[in-house]
Amino acid sequence: TGINNINRTILPTADIFPTLTATSAKDHIAVEYNVSLHCSHPEEYKKLFLKKIYQPKKYIPITAKHACKLQGFPDSFESHQKDEIAKKLFGNAVTVPVVEYVAKELLRIIHI
């Protein structure tokens, strides 16, 4: 799937990120923070992405540190020392902010 064994490339400026999985070793993150890909049509976005991110190879595989941050764990969280094991653990994790939001909503409903 994807292009040349790259499944997804996440932009660091995105507001929403896809679900990480324990087996998504083909996910990458763009390393160019100041690239603007804002446009109104999907085909235009695709062309801009290929030109500004993919062709100049401005992306790297997601590391355990990226996965930790994407899953909402604090910077101080200590993960497994082996990157591949830590990435699988984060891929199997439930996103911390989502759990917090759901728990707060359940408590709000119960107390009404």
C-alpha atoms as a PDB file:
ATOM      1  CA  THR A   1       0.000   0.000   0.000  1.00  0.00           C
ATOM      2  CA  GLY A   2       1.031   3.587  -0.312  1.00  0.00           C
ATOM      3  CA  ILE A   3       3.894   4.867  -2.440  1.00  0.00           C
ATOM      4  CA  ASN A   4       7.183   2.934  -2.424  1.00  0.00           C
ATOM      5  CA  ASN A   5       6.409   1.178   0.849  1.00  0.00           C
ATOM      6  CA  ILE A   6       5.266   4.376   2.598  1.00  0.00           C
ATOM      7  CA  ASN A   7       1.742   3.984   3.922  1.00  0.00           C
ATOM      8  CA  ARG A   8       1.003   7.427   5.370  1.00  0.00           C
ATOM      9  CA  THR A   9       2.941  10.643   5.887  1.00  0.00           C
ATOM     10  CA  ILE A  10       1.674  12.774   8.748  1.00  0.00           C
ATOM     11  CA  LEU A  11       2.219  16.517   8.631  1.00  0.00           C
ATOM     12  CA  PRO A  12       3.468  17.917  11.972  1.00  0.00           C
ATOM     13  CA  THR A  13       1.139  20.921  11.608  1.00  0.00           C
ATOM     14  CA  ALA A  14      -1.993  18.751  11.246  1.00  0.00           C
ATOM     15  CA  ASP A  15      -4.846  19.189  13.708  1.00  0.00           C
ATOM     16  CA  ILE A  16      -5.923  15.553  13.379  1.00  0.00           C
ATOM     17  CA  PHE A  17      -3.730  12.469  13.184  1.00  0.00           C
ATOM     18  CA  PRO A  18      -4.619   8.973  11.997  1.00  0.00           C
ATOM     19  CA  THR A  19      -4.814   6.089  14.423  1.00  0.00           C
ATOM     20  CA  LEU A  20      -1.443   4.534  15.141  1.00  0.00           C
ATOM     21  CA  THR A  21      -1.311   0.767  15.093  1.00  0.00           C
ATOM     22  CA  ALA A  22       1.244  -1.706  16.368  1.00  0.00           C
ATOM     23  CA  THR A  23       1.969  -2.870  12.821  1.00  0.00           C
ATOM     24  CA  SER A  24       2.166   0.486  11.005  1.00  0.00           C
ATOM     25  CA  ALA A  25       5.893   0.479  10.391  1.00  0.00           C
ATOM     26  CA  LYS A  26       5.195   2.196   7.074  1.00  0.00           C
ATOM     27  CA  ASP A  27       3.942   5.433   8.654  1.00  0.00           C
ATOM     28  CA  HIS A  28       6.129   8.516   8.336  1.00  0.00           C
ATOM     29  CA  ILE A  29       6.130  12.088   9.574  1.00  0.00           C
ATOM     30  CA  ALA A  30       7.103  15.113   7.506  1.00  0.00           C
ATOM     31  CA  VAL A  31      10.127  16.985   8.801  1.00  0.00           C
ATOM     32  CA  GLU A  32       9.355  20.247   7.020  1.00  0.00           C
ATOM     33  CA  TYR A  33       7.400  22.435   9.443  1.00  0.00           C
ATOM     34  CA  ASN A  34       6.956  25.574   7.380  1.00  0.00           C
ATOM     35  CA  VAL A  35       5.538  24.035   4.197  1.00  0.00           C
ATOM     36  CA  SER A  36       2.039  25.214   3.381  1.00  0.00           C
ATOM     37  CA  LEU A  37      -0.202  22.664   1.674  1.00  0.00           C
ATOM     38  CA  HIS A  38      -3.446  24.578   2.085  1.00  0.00           C
ATOM     39  CA  CYS A  39      -5.618  24.336  -0.995  1.00  0.00           C
ATOM     40  CA  SER A  40      -9.251  23.737  -1.862  1.00  0.00           C
ATOM     41  CA  HIS A  41      -9.092  20.697  -4.132  1.00  0.00           C
ATOM     42  CA  PRO A  42      -7.727  17.196  -3.315  1.00  0.00           C
ATOM     43  CA  GLU A  43      -5.835  16.914  -6.622  1.00  0.00           C
ATOM     44  CA  GLU A  44      -4.100  20.229  -5.964  1.00  0.00           C
ATOM     45  CA  TYR A  45      -3.187  19.039  -2.447  1.00  0.00           C
ATOM     46  CA  LYS A  46      -1.780  15.800  -3.879  1.00  0.00           C
ATOM     47  CA  LYS A  47       0.422  17.699  -6.355  1.00  0.00           C
ATOM     48  CA  LEU A  48       1.674  20.054  -3.630  1.00  0.00           C
ATOM     49  CA  PHE A  49       2.383  17.157  -1.277  1.00  0.00           C
ATOM     50  CA  LEU A  50       4.350  15.257  -3.915  1.00  0.00           C
ATOM     51  CA  LYS A  51       6.308  18.386  -4.890  1.00  0.00           C
ATOM     52  CA  LYS A  52       7.028  19.802  -1.417  1.00  0.00           C
ATOM     53  CA  ILE A  53       7.236  16.709   0.837  1.00  0.00           C
ATOM     54  CA  TYR A  54       7.518  13.420  -1.060  1.00  0.00           C
ATOM     55  CA  GLN A  55       9.889  14.182  -3.963  1.00  0.00           C
ATOM     56  CA  PRO A  56      12.451  16.106  -1.881  1.00  0.00           C
ATOM     57  CA  LYS A  57      12.170  13.300   0.745  1.00  0.00           C
ATOM     58  CA  LYS A  58      11.243  15.627   3.601  1.00  0.00           C
ATOM     59  CA  TYR A  59       9.873  12.829   5.779  1.00  0.00           C
ATOM     60  CA  ILE A  60      11.186  10.181   8.164  1.00  0.00           C
ATOM     61  CA  PRO A  61       9.726   7.002   9.663  1.00  0.00           C
ATOM     62  CA  ILE A  62       7.740   7.604  12.839  1.00  0.00           C
ATOM     63  CA  THR A  63       9.923   6.835  15.846  1.00  0.00           C
ATOM     64  CA  ALA A  64       8.806   5.709  19.286  1.00  0.00           C
ATOM     65  CA  LYS A  65       9.277   9.302  20.471  1.00  0.00           C
ATOM     66  CA  HIS A  66       6.867  10.546  17.763  1.00  0.00           C
ATOM     67  CA  ALA A  67       4.361   7.791  18.597  1.00  0.00           C
ATOM     68  CA  CYS A  68       4.565   8.678  22.292  1.00  0.00           C
ATOM     69  CA  LYS A  69       3.752  12.312  21.546  1.00  0.00           C
ATOM     70  CA  LEU A  70       1.019  11.453  19.014  1.00  0.00           C
ATOM     71  CA  GLN A  71      -0.657   9.178  21.576  1.00  0.00           C
ATOM     72  CA  GLY A  72      -0.767  12.021  24.107  1.00  0.00           C
ATOM     73  CA  PHE A  73       1.778  10.746  26.601  1.00  0.00           C
ATOM     74  CA  PRO A  74       3.775  13.429  28.445  1.00  0.00           C
ATOM     75  CA  ASP A  75       7.345  14.204  27.313  1.00  0.00           C
ATOM     76  CA  SER A  76       8.595  12.748  30.581  1.00  0.00           C
ATOM     77  CA  PHE A  77       7.076   9.319  29.835  1.00  0.00           C
ATOM     78  CA  GLU A  78       9.727   6.592  29.749  1.00  0.00           C
ATOM     79  CA  SER A  79       9.181   3.955  27.089  1.00  0.00           C
ATOM     80  CA  HIS A  80      10.955   0.742  26.188  1.00  0.00           C
ATOM     81  CA  GLN A  81      14.576   1.306  25.159  1.00  0.00           C
ATOM     82  CA  LYS A  82      14.179  -0.585  21.870  1.00  0.00           C
ATOM     83  CA  ASP A  83      12.422   1.673  19.373  1.00  0.00           C
ATOM     84  CA  GLU A  84      10.560  -1.137  17.569  1.00  0.00           C
ATOM     85  CA  ILE A  85       9.143  -2.562  20.803  1.00  0.00           C
ATOM     86  CA  ALA A  86       8.159   0.898  22.075  1.00  0.00           C
ATOM     87  CA  LYS A  87       6.419   1.699  18.747  1.00  0.00           C
ATOM     88  CA  LYS A  88       4.377  -1.508  18.997  1.00  0.00           C
ATOM     89  CA  LEU A  89       3.409  -0.649  22.568  1.00  0.00           C
ATOM     90  CA  PHE A  90       2.327   2.859  21.588  1.00  0.00           C
ATOM     91  CA  GLY A  91       0.462   1.433  18.595  1.00  0.00           C
ATOM     92  CA  ASN A  92      -1.518  -0.781  20.978  1.00  0.00           C
ATOM     93  CA  ALA A  93      -2.126   2.079  23.424  1.00  0.00           C
ATOM     94  CA  VAL A  94      -5.356   4.006  23.745  1.00  0.00           C
ATOM     95  CA  THR A  95      -4.824   7.703  23.181  1.00  0.00           C
ATOM     96  CA  VAL A  96      -4.582   9.466  26.550  1.00  0.00           C
ATOM     97  CA  PRO A  97      -6.558  12.652  25.633  1.00  0.00           C
ATOM     98  CA  VAL A  98      -9.393  10.541  24.181  1.00  0.00           C
ATOM     99  CA  VAL A  99      -9.671   8.450  27.354  1.00  0.00           C
ATOM    100  CA  GLU A 100      -9.650  11.627  29.453  1.00  0.00           C
ATOM    101  CA  TYR A 101     -12.401  13.208  27.352  1.00  0.00           C
ATOM    102  CA  VAL A 102     -14.606  10.092  27.401  1.00  0.00           C
ATOM    103  CA  ALA A 103     -14.141   9.683  31.164  1.00  0.00           C
ATOM    104  CA  LYS A 104     -15.073  13.328  31.819  1.00  0.00           C
ATOM    105  CA  GLU A 105     -18.170  13.042  29.622  1.00  0.00           C
ATOM    106  CA  LEU A 106     -19.260   9.846  31.398  1.00  0.00           C
ATOM    107  CA  LEU A 107     -18.795  11.516  34.779  1.00  0.00           C
ATOM    108  CA  ARG A 108     -20.762  14.551  33.587  1.00  0.00           C
ATOM    109  CA  ILE A 109     -23.630  12.313  32.442  1.00  0.00           C
ATOM    110  CA  ILE A 110     -23.654  10.282  35.659  1.00  0.00           C
ATOM    111  CA  HIS A 111     -23.787  13.397  37.834  1.00  0.00           C
ATOM    112  CA  ILE A 112     -26.740  14.927  35.956  1.00  0.00           C
END
